[in-house]
Amino acid sequence: MPASEAPIGDYLDEIRKQVCTRCVERPPGGPPCVPLGVNCGVELHLSELIHSIHQVNHTHLIAPYQDRNRSEICENCAFHGSSCCPCPMDYLIVLIAQAVETVDQRLAEGVSIGTDRVLPQRLGMDSIRRAYEGATGTWKGCDWPTRFGESKLDLNGYSPELARAKVATAATEAEIEDWGKAASWLADVEREAHEAETAAAQTVAAAERGQWQKALGHAERAWAAEFGTGRPVWHEFPATWQKLREAVEAVYLSQTAVKTDL
């Protein structure tokens, strides 16, 4: 494993260069793929993936990388075992490892690999708290335009209670059915938003205790909750918990580098 790690953006750039072009799950316009609706494990768990690869002695065998990833990353992934988990980490893991090692080799040789770097040690708890305080309470339910059901219902701003009330005044059988389903779906969205809020609070609590791997896991669950609902988290709908995840990830990487140096 390297004595120190390069900035995470350098690893991501190299993976996109060497690996993403061979990914059969890559959607048109990707990468990045998560904003396009594909829950790419590389994008969702990049820092943990890099750390996992660094724990394996260099090998051309796929099994050592797969075993470590499955035990350290997949088991804690919010999408593990779900129908929306087209994760490329298994079948592309050797190529990913080679990309990581390419960056490590450049770093070892002292080659400049980018000047626009965020120094994780400068972020710290203040950045994490700011990210949490700026996001908390901002996502509580469906807050984007929809075309739900056969009636193409726009549920933006609706609560489950309002949707259930609409059932009584619906003009057609199709609308009655759609508003009933909408009430159930809106309840699911509110539950996901609440669980994301809880995970974000757990993120800060774990970070305060110095439990950075747990903090990162909580932050990723908060961040991933929005994708499960179909919330369009790009352009005018930035991911609510993305900045929190990035702040925790930066500190997690800095802590990993310190432990490696020891």
C-alpha atoms as a PDB file:
ATOM      1  CA  MET A   1       0.000   0.000   0.000  1.00  0.00           C
ATOM      2  CA  PRO A   2       1.273   3.528  -0.651  1.00  0.00           C
ATOM      3  CA  ALA A   3       2.858   5.624   2.084  1.00  0.00           C
ATOM      4  CA  SER A   4       0.303   8.321   1.229  1.00  0.00           C
ATOM      5  CA  GLU A   5      -2.659   8.652  -1.080  1.00  0.00           C
ATOM      6  CA  ALA A   6      -3.313  11.016  -3.956  1.00  0.00           C
ATOM      7  CA  PRO A   7      -6.390  13.274  -3.902  1.00  0.00           C
ATOM      8  CA  ILE A   8      -9.528  11.273  -4.600  1.00  0.00           C
ATOM      9  CA  GLY A   9     -10.185  13.225  -7.797  1.00  0.00           C
ATOM     10  CA  ASP A  10      -6.974  11.841  -9.330  1.00  0.00           C
ATOM     11  CA  TYR A  11      -8.143   8.274  -8.723  1.00  0.00           C
ATOM     12  CA  LEU A  12     -11.565   9.051 -10.173  1.00  0.00           C
ATOM     13  CA  ASP A  13     -10.043  10.639 -13.302  1.00  0.00           C
ATOM     14  CA  GLU A  14      -7.842   7.594 -13.903  1.00  0.00           C
ATOM     15  CA  ILE A  15     -10.719   5.151 -13.346  1.00  0.00           C
ATOM     16  CA  ARG A  16     -12.857   7.037 -15.840  1.00  0.00           C
ATOM     17  CA  LYS A  17     -10.002   6.912 -18.316  1.00  0.00           C
ATOM     18  CA  GLN A  18      -9.138   3.220 -17.922  1.00  0.00           C
ATOM     19  CA  VAL A  19     -12.349   1.593 -16.717  1.00  0.00           C
ATOM     20  CA  CYS A  20     -15.580   3.484 -17.417  1.00  0.00           C
ATOM     21  CA  THR A  21     -15.274   3.079 -21.198  1.00  0.00           C
ATOM     22  CA  ARG A  22     -15.549  -0.700 -20.662  1.00  0.00           C
ATOM     23  CA  CYS A  23     -18.543  -0.613 -18.326  1.00  0.00           C
ATOM     24  CA  VAL A  24     -21.691  -2.130 -19.856  1.00  0.00           C
ATOM     25  CA  GLU A  25     -23.892  -0.326 -17.289  1.00  0.00           C
ATOM     26  CA  ARG A  26     -22.666   3.145 -18.301  1.00  0.00           C
ATOM     27  CA  PRO A  27     -25.658   5.223 -19.434  1.00  0.00           C
ATOM     28  CA  PRO A  28     -25.554   7.672 -22.357  1.00  0.00           C
ATOM     29  CA  GLY A  29     -23.849  10.829 -21.138  1.00  0.00           C
ATOM     30  CA  GLY A  30     -22.050   9.109 -18.288  1.00  0.00           C
ATOM     31  CA  PRO A  31     -19.874   9.239 -16.332  1.00  0.00           C
ATOM     32  CA  PRO A  32     -20.810  10.553 -13.856  1.00  0.00           C
ATOM     33  CA  CYS A  33     -23.557   7.941 -13.792  1.00  0.00           C
ATOM     34  CA  VAL A  34     -25.296   8.452 -10.444  1.00  0.00           C
ATOM     35  CA  PRO A  35     -26.981  11.712 -11.561  1.00  0.00           C
ATOM     36  CA  LEU A  36     -28.251   9.780 -14.606  1.00  0.00           C
ATOM     37  CA  GLY A  37     -30.001   7.187 -12.451  1.00  0.00           C
ATOM     38  CA  VAL A  38     -27.382   4.396 -12.425  1.00  0.00           C
ATOM     39  CA  ASN A  39     -26.226   3.588  -8.892  1.00  0.00           C
ATOM     40  CA  CYS A  40     -22.561   3.071  -9.689  1.00  0.00           C
ATOM     41  CA  GLY A  41     -20.721   1.534  -6.745  1.00  0.00           C
ATOM     42  CA  VAL A  42     -17.482   3.159  -7.860  1.00  0.00           C
ATOM     43  CA  GLU A  43     -18.990   6.642  -7.591  1.00  0.00           C
ATOM     44  CA  LEU A  44     -20.949   5.906  -4.413  1.00  0.00           C
ATOM     45  CA  HIS A  45     -18.092   4.251  -2.510  1.00  0.00           C
ATOM     46  CA  LEU A  46     -14.937   5.536  -4.172  1.00  0.00           C
ATOM     47  CA  SER A  47     -12.968   6.347  -1.006  1.00  0.00           C
ATOM     48  CA  GLU A  48     -13.757   2.962   0.565  1.00  0.00           C
ATOM     49  CA  LEU A  49     -12.937   1.222  -2.729  1.00  0.00           C
ATOM     50  CA  ILE A  50      -9.511   2.867  -2.900  1.00  0.00           C
ATOM     51  CA  HIS A  51      -8.824   1.953   0.717  1.00  0.00           C
ATOM     52  CA  SER A  52      -9.919  -1.648   0.064  1.00  0.00           C
ATOM     53  CA  ILE A  53      -7.634  -1.979  -2.974  1.00  0.00           C
ATOM     54  CA  HIS A  54      -4.718  -0.641  -0.957  1.00  0.00           C
ATOM     55  CA  GLN A  55      -5.193  -3.445   1.566  1.00  0.00           C
ATOM     56  CA  VAL A  56      -4.599  -6.142  -1.080  1.00  0.00           C
ATOM     57  CA  ASN A  57      -1.085  -7.049  -2.155  1.00  0.00           C
ATOM     58  CA  HIS A  58      -0.693  -6.424  -5.890  1.00  0.00           C
ATOM     59  CA  THR A  59      -2.100  -9.376  -7.849  1.00  0.00           C
ATOM     60  CA  HIS A  60      -3.670 -10.080 -11.221  1.00  0.00           C
ATOM     61  CA  LEU A  61      -6.217 -12.365  -9.538  1.00  0.00           C
ATOM     62  CA  ILE A  62      -9.740 -11.017  -9.159  1.00  0.00           C
ATOM     63  CA  ALA A  63     -10.795 -13.008  -6.057  1.00  0.00           C
ATOM     64  CA  PRO A  64      -8.745 -11.134  -3.395  1.00  0.00           C
ATOM     65  CA  TYR A  65     -10.171  -7.789  -4.499  1.00  0.00           C
ATOM     66  CA  GLN A  66     -13.717  -9.127  -4.780  1.00  0.00           C
ATOM     67  CA  ASP A  67     -13.621 -10.780  -1.361  1.00  0.00           C
ATOM     68  CA  ARG A  68     -12.436  -7.640   0.388  1.00  0.00           C
ATOM     69  CA  ASN A  69     -14.881  -5.377  -1.463  1.00  0.00           C
ATOM     70  CA  ARG A  70     -17.841  -7.638  -0.700  1.00  0.00           C
ATOM     71  CA  SER A  71     -17.049  -7.795   2.996  1.00  0.00           C
ATOM     72  CA  GLU A  72     -16.027  -4.151   3.515  1.00  0.00           C
ATOM     73  CA  ILE A  73     -18.184  -2.261   1.007  1.00  0.00           C
ATOM     74  CA  CYS A  74     -21.065  -4.288  -0.435  1.00  0.00           C
ATOM     75  CA  GLU A  75     -22.396  -5.426   2.929  1.00  0.00           C
ATOM     76  CA  ASN A  76     -22.794  -1.789   4.021  1.00  0.00           C
ATOM     77  CA  CYS A  77     -24.133  -0.404   0.737  1.00  0.00           C
ATOM     78  CA  ALA A  78     -27.642   1.027   0.780  1.00  0.00           C
ATOM     79  CA  PHE A  79     -28.367  -0.697  -2.555  1.00  0.00           C
ATOM     80  CA  HIS A  80     -26.935  -4.135  -1.633  1.00  0.00           C
ATOM     81  CA  GLY A  81     -29.284  -6.873  -2.760  1.00  0.00           C
ATOM     82  CA  SER A  82     -31.755  -4.448  -4.328  1.00  0.00           C
ATOM     83  CA  SER A  83     -33.041  -4.429  -7.889  1.00  0.00           C
ATOM     84  CA  CYS A  84     -31.317  -1.077  -8.567  1.00  0.00           C
ATOM     85  CA  CYS A  85     -27.766  -2.296  -7.991  1.00  0.00           C
ATOM     86  CA  PRO A  86     -26.057  -2.570 -11.397  1.00  0.00           C
ATOM     87  CA  CYS A  87     -22.672  -2.349  -9.704  1.00  0.00           C
ATOM     88  CA  PRO A  88     -19.574  -2.694 -11.890  1.00  0.00           C
ATOM     89  CA  MET A  89     -17.139  -3.267  -9.025  1.00  0.00           C
ATOM     90  CA  ASP A  90     -17.167  -7.074  -9.307  1.00  0.00           C
ATOM     91  CA  TYR A  91     -16.465  -7.607 -12.991  1.00  0.00           C
ATOM     92  CA  LEU A  92     -14.246  -4.541 -13.447  1.00  0.00           C
ATOM     93  CA  ILE A  93     -12.340  -4.742 -10.174  1.00  0.00           C
ATOM     94  CA  VAL A  94      -8.984  -5.735 -11.658  1.00  0.00           C
ATOM     95  CA  LEU A  95      -9.116  -2.799 -14.088  1.00  0.00           C
ATOM     96  CA  ILE A  96     -10.110  -0.511 -11.220  1.00  0.00           C
ATOM     97  CA  ALA A  97      -7.181  -1.783  -9.167  1.00  0.00           C
ATOM     98  CA  GLN A  98      -4.838  -1.140 -12.086  1.00  0.00           C
ATOM     99  CA  ALA A  99      -6.119   2.420 -12.393  1.00  0.00           C
ATOM    100  CA  VAL A 100      -5.573   3.001  -8.668  1.00  0.00           C
ATOM    101  CA  GLU A 101      -2.067   1.581  -8.903  1.00  0.00           C
ATOM    102  CA  THR A 102      -1.325   3.841 -11.888  1.00  0.00           C
ATOM    103  CA  VAL A 103      -2.063   6.890  -9.742  1.00  0.00           C
ATOM    104  CA  ASP A 104      -0.084   5.457  -6.826  1.00  0.00           C
ATOM    105  CA  GLN A 105       2.898   4.898  -9.105  1.00  0.00           C
ATOM    106  CA  ARG A 106       2.786   8.476 -10.361  1.00  0.00           C
ATOM    107  CA  LEU A 107       2.645   9.691  -6.779  1.00  0.00           C
ATOM    108  CA  ALA A 108       5.589   7.500  -5.786  1.00  0.00           C
ATOM    109  CA  GLU A 109       7.615   8.852  -8.685  1.00  0.00           C
ATOM    110  CA  GLY A 110       6.891  12.417  -7.663  1.00  0.00           C
ATOM    111  CA  VAL A 111       4.994  13.309 -10.824  1.00  0.00           C
ATOM    112  CA  SER A 112       2.559  16.174 -10.471  1.00  0.00           C
ATOM    113  CA  ILE A 113      -0.980  14.832 -10.790  1.00  0.00           C
ATOM    114  CA  GLY A 114      -3.045  17.951 -10.366  1.00  0.00           C
ATOM    115  CA  THR A 115      -2.874  21.283  -8.625  1.00  0.00           C
ATOM    116  CA  ASP A 116      -6.567  21.881  -7.863  1.00  0.00           C
ATOM    117  CA  ARG A 117      -6.655  19.838  -4.669  1.00  0.00           C
ATOM    118  CA  VAL A 118      -8.816  19.934  -1.608  1.00  0.00           C
ATOM    119  CA  LEU A 119      -6.719  19.248   1.469  1.00  0.00           C
ATOM    120  CA  PRO A 120      -8.833  16.970   3.669  1.00  0.00           C
ATOM    121  CA  GLN A 121      -7.143  18.042   6.885  1.00  0.00           C
ATOM    122  CA  ARG A 122      -8.438  21.592   6.356  1.00  0.00           C
ATOM    123  CA  LEU A 123     -12.048  20.526   6.243  1.00  0.00           C
ATOM    124  CA  GLY A 124     -12.453  18.922   9.664  1.00  0.00           C
ATOM    125  CA  MET A 125     -15.450  19.026  11.893  1.00  0.00           C
ATOM    126  CA  ASP A 126     -16.316  22.661  11.150  1.00  0.00           C
ATOM    127  CA  SER A 127     -16.949  21.799   7.496  1.00  0.00           C
ATOM    128  CA  ILE A 128     -18.992  18.741   8.466  1.00  0.00           C
ATOM    129  CA  ARG A 129     -21.146  20.752  10.848  1.00  0.00           C
ATOM    130  CA  ARG A 130     -21.694  23.478   8.250  1.00  0.00           C
ATOM    131  CA  ALA A 131     -22.719  20.932   5.643  1.00  0.00           C
ATOM    132  CA  TYR A 132     -25.137  19.295   8.073  1.00  0.00           C
ATOM    133  CA  GLU A 133     -26.650  22.558   9.268  1.00  0.00           C
ATOM    134  CA  GLY A 134     -27.059  23.794   5.701  1.00  0.00           C
ATOM    135  CA  ALA A 135     -28.923  20.666   4.584  1.00  0.00           C
ATOM    136  CA  THR A 136     -30.988  19.614   7.586  1.00  0.00           C
ATOM    137  CA  GLY A 137     -34.689  20.195   7.148  1.00  0.00           C
ATOM    138  CA  THR A 138     -34.432  21.046   3.441  1.00  0.00           C
ATOM    139  CA  TRP A 139     -35.805  17.734   2.074  1.00  0.00           C
ATOM    140  CA  LYS A 140     -38.963  16.378   3.675  1.00  0.00           C
ATOM    141  CA  GLY A 141     -40.921  14.819   0.829  1.00  0.00           C
ATOM    142  CA  CYS A 142     -41.774  15.168  -2.838  1.00  0.00           C
ATOM    143  CA  ASP A 143     -40.492  18.588  -3.881  1.00  0.00           C
ATOM    144  CA  TRP A 144     -40.078  18.048  -7.611  1.00  0.00           C
ATOM    145  CA  PRO A 145     -42.480  17.889 -10.602  1.00  0.00           C
ATOM    146  CA  THR A 146     -43.848  14.419 -11.411  1.00  0.00           C
ATOM    147  CA  ARG A 147     -46.098  12.732 -13.946  1.00  0.00           C
ATOM    148  CA  PHE A 148     -47.422  10.005 -11.685  1.00  0.00           C
ATOM    149  CA  GLY A 149     -49.666   7.184 -12.909  1.00  0.00           C
ATOM    150  CA  GLU A 150     -51.998   7.119 -15.871  1.00  0.00           C
ATOM    151  CA  SER A 151     -53.370  10.520 -14.851  1.00  0.00           C
ATOM    152  CA  LYS A 152     -49.860  12.073 -14.979  1.00  0.00           C
ATOM    153  CA  LEU A 153     -50.308  13.604 -11.526  1.00  0.00           C
ATOM    154  CA  ASP A 154     -47.933  16.382 -10.505  1.00  0.00           C
ATOM    155  CA  LEU A 155     -47.253  15.550  -6.839  1.00  0.00           C
ATOM    156  CA  ASN A 156     -44.832  18.400  -6.215  1.00  0.00           C
ATOM    157  CA  GLY A 157     -45.562  19.700  -2.694  1.00  0.00           C
ATOM    158  CA  TYR A 158     -48.165  17.046  -1.895  1.00  0.00           C
ATOM    159  CA  SER A 159     -48.275  15.091   1.360  1.00  0.00           C
ATOM    160  CA  PRO A 160     -49.822  11.610   1.757  1.00  0.00           C
ATOM    161  CA  GLU A 161     -52.763  13.221   3.563  1.00  0.00           C
ATOM    162  CA  LEU A 162     -53.480  15.611   0.690  1.00  0.00           C
ATOM    163  CA  ALA A 163     -53.275  12.754  -1.805  1.00  0.00           C
ATOM    164  CA  ARG A 164     -55.735  10.655   0.229  1.00  0.00           C
ATOM    165  CA  ALA A 165     -58.121  13.614   0.341  1.00  0.00           C
ATOM    166  CA  LYS A 166     -57.965  13.784  -3.464  1.00  0.00           C
ATOM    167  CA  VAL A 167     -59.281  10.210  -3.683  1.00  0.00           C
ATOM    168  CA  ALA A 168     -62.674  11.399  -2.408  1.00  0.00           C
ATOM    169  CA  THR A 169     -62.981  14.116  -5.055  1.00  0.00           C
ATOM    170  CA  ALA A 170     -61.438  12.306  -8.036  1.00  0.00           C
ATOM    171  CA  ALA A 171     -63.590  12.394 -11.165  1.00  0.00           C
ATOM    172  CA  THR A 172     -62.648   9.056 -12.736  1.00  0.00           C
ATOM    173  CA  GLU A 173     -61.747   5.520 -11.658  1.00  0.00           C
ATOM    174  CA  ALA A 174     -58.247   6.045 -13.034  1.00  0.00           C
ATOM    175  CA  GLU A 175     -57.764   9.161 -10.902  1.00  0.00           C
ATOM    176  CA  ILE A 176     -59.076   7.385  -7.807  1.00  0.00           C
ATOM    177  CA  GLU A 177     -56.573   4.586  -8.331  1.00  0.00           C
ATOM    178  CA  ASP A 178     -53.714   6.968  -9.104  1.00  0.00           C
ATOM    179  CA  TRP A 179     -54.340   9.165  -6.054  1.00  0.00           C
ATOM    180  CA  GLY A 180     -54.482   6.077  -3.846  1.00  0.00           C
ATOM    181  CA  LYS A 181     -51.138   4.865  -5.169  1.00  0.00           C
ATOM    182  CA  ALA A 182     -49.758   8.395  -4.944  1.00  0.00           C
ATOM    183  CA  ALA A 183     -50.596   8.560  -1.227  1.00  0.00           C
ATOM    184  CA  SER A 184     -48.617   5.363  -0.627  1.00  0.00           C
ATOM    185  CA  TRP A 185     -45.680   6.556  -2.737  1.00  0.00           C
ATOM    186  CA  LEU A 186     -45.593   9.956  -1.032  1.00  0.00           C
ATOM    187  CA  ALA A 187     -45.476   8.211   2.338  1.00  0.00           C
ATOM    188  CA  ASP A 188     -42.478   6.226   1.102  1.00  0.00           C
ATOM    189  CA  VAL A 189     -40.735   9.422  -0.025  1.00  0.00           C
ATOM    190  CA  GLU A 190     -41.353  11.096   3.349  1.00  0.00           C
ATOM    191  CA  ARG A 191     -40.012   8.020   5.124  1.00  0.00           C
ATOM    192  CA  GLU A 192     -36.847   8.026   2.986  1.00  0.00           C
ATOM    193  CA  ALA A 193     -36.365  11.745   3.679  1.00  0.00           C
ATOM    194  CA  HIS A 194     -36.758  11.132   7.421  1.00  0.00           C
ATOM    195  CA  GLU A 195     -34.331   8.202   7.349  1.00  0.00           C
ATOM    196  CA  ALA A 196     -31.825  10.313   5.401  1.00  0.00           C
ATOM    197  CA  GLU A 197     -32.128  13.050   8.017  1.00  0.00           C
ATOM    198  CA  THR A 198     -31.521  10.475  10.757  1.00  0.00           C
ATOM    199  CA  ALA A 199     -28.496   9.056   8.934  1.00  0.00           C
ATOM    200  CA  ALA A 200     -27.082  12.579   8.536  1.00  0.00           C
ATOM    201  CA  ALA A 201     -27.422  13.193  12.277  1.00  0.00           C
ATOM    202  CA  GLN A 202     -25.693   9.851  12.923  1.00  0.00           C
ATOM    203  CA  THR A 203     -22.943  10.986  10.554  1.00  0.00           C
ATOM    204  CA  VAL A 204     -22.162  14.027  12.676  1.00  0.00           C
ATOM    205  CA  ALA A 205     -22.358  12.006  15.899  1.00  0.00           C
ATOM    206  CA  ALA A 206     -19.937   9.372  14.583  1.00  0.00           C
ATOM    207  CA  ALA A 207     -17.571  12.061  13.304  1.00  0.00           C
ATOM    208  CA  GLU A 208     -17.596  13.752  16.693  1.00  0.00           C
ATOM    209  CA  ARG A 209     -16.447  10.427  18.184  1.00  0.00           C
ATOM    210  CA  GLY A 210     -13.732  10.047  15.546  1.00  0.00           C
ATOM    211  CA  GLN A 211     -15.435   6.991  14.016  1.00  0.00           C
ATOM    212  CA  TRP A 212     -14.752   8.028  10.441  1.00  0.00           C
ATOM    213  CA  GLN A 213     -15.635   4.809   8.638  1.00  0.00           C
ATOM    214  CA  LYS A 214     -19.012   4.730  10.387  1.00  0.00           C
ATOM    215  CA  ALA A 215     -19.499   8.422   9.686  1.00  0.00           C
ATOM    216  CA  LEU A 216     -18.841   7.875   5.987  1.00  0.00           C
ATOM    217  CA  GLY A 217     -21.252   4.929   5.911  1.00  0.00           C
ATOM    218  CA  HIS A 218     -24.015   7.033   7.492  1.00  0.00           C
ATOM    219  CA  ALA A 219     -23.312   9.931   5.099  1.00  0.00           C
ATOM    220  CA  GLU A 220     -23.510   7.636   2.078  1.00  0.00           C
ATOM    221  CA  ARG A 221     -26.829   6.211   3.255  1.00  0.00           C
ATOM    222  CA  ALA A 222     -28.222   9.733   3.628  1.00  0.00           C
ATOM    223  CA  TRP A 223     -26.937  10.662   0.178  1.00  0.00           C
ATOM    224  CA  ALA A 224     -28.217   7.465  -1.456  1.00  0.00           C
ATOM    225  CA  ALA A 225     -31.739   7.765  -0.032  1.00  0.00           C
ATOM    226  CA  GLU A 226     -32.649  10.413  -2.602  1.00  0.00           C
ATOM    227  CA  PHE A 227     -31.721   8.186  -5.540  1.00  0.00           C
ATOM    228  CA  GLY A 228     -34.031   5.456  -4.281  1.00  0.00           C
ATOM    229  CA  THR A 229     -37.023   7.803  -4.467  1.00  0.00           C
ATOM    230  CA  GLY A 230     -36.302   9.019  -7.987  1.00  0.00           C
ATOM    231  CA  ARG A 231     -35.672  12.572  -6.813  1.00  0.00           C
ATOM    232  CA  PRO A 232     -33.853  14.354  -9.666  1.00  0.00           C
ATOM    233  CA  VAL A 233     -30.703  15.325  -7.779  1.00  0.00           C
ATOM    234  CA  TRP A 234     -28.954  17.434 -10.382  1.00  0.00           C
ATOM    235  CA  HIS A 235     -29.228  20.894 -11.929  1.00  0.00           C
ATOM    236  CA  GLU A 236     -31.866  22.707  -9.857  1.00  0.00           C
ATOM    237  CA  PHE A 237     -32.119  19.777  -7.420  1.00  0.00           C
ATOM    238  CA  PRO A 238     -28.631  19.292  -5.931  1.00  0.00           C
ATOM    239  CA  ALA A 239     -28.313  16.273  -3.659  1.00  0.00           C
ATOM    240  CA  THR A 240     -29.297  17.393  -0.178  1.00  0.00           C
ATOM    241  CA  TRP A 241     -26.581  15.453   1.643  1.00  0.00           C
ATOM    242  CA  GLN A 242     -23.831  15.485  -0.999  1.00  0.00           C
ATOM    243  CA  LYS A 243     -21.741  18.208   0.671  1.00  0.00           C
ATOM    244  CA  LEU A 244     -21.921  16.376   3.986  1.00  0.00           C
ATOM    245  CA  ARG A 245     -20.740  13.180   2.337  1.00  0.00           C
ATOM    246  CA  GLU A 246     -17.871  14.974   0.608  1.00  0.00           C
ATOM    247  CA  ALA A 247     -16.754  16.660   3.839  1.00  0.00           C
ATOM    248  CA  VAL A 248     -16.739  13.366   5.740  1.00  0.00           C
ATOM    249  CA  GLU A 249     -15.039  11.574   2.870  1.00  0.00           C
ATOM    250  CA  ALA A 250     -12.213  14.130   2.839  1.00  0.00           C
ATOM    251  CA  VAL A 251     -11.520  13.676   6.547  1.00  0.00           C
ATOM    252  CA  TYR A 252     -11.847   9.890   6.250  1.00  0.00           C
ATOM    253  CA  LEU A 253      -9.203   9.850   3.527  1.00  0.00           C
ATOM    254  CA  SER A 254      -6.875  12.056   5.555  1.00  0.00           C
ATOM    255  CA  GLN A 255      -7.241   9.726   8.548  1.00  0.00           C
ATOM    256  CA  THR A 256      -6.562   6.716   6.340  1.00  0.00           C
ATOM    257  CA  ALA A 257      -3.393   8.353   5.021  1.00  0.00           C
ATOM    258  CA  VAL A 258      -2.173   9.066   8.535  1.00  0.00           C
ATOM    259  CA  LYS A 259      -2.704   5.448   9.591  1.00  0.00           C
ATOM    260  CA  THR A 260      -0.911   4.254   6.456  1.00  0.00           C
ATOM    261  CA  ASP A 261       2.073   6.456   7.225  1.00  0.00           C
ATOM    262  CA  LEU A 262       2.275   4.899  10.652  1.00  0.00           C
END
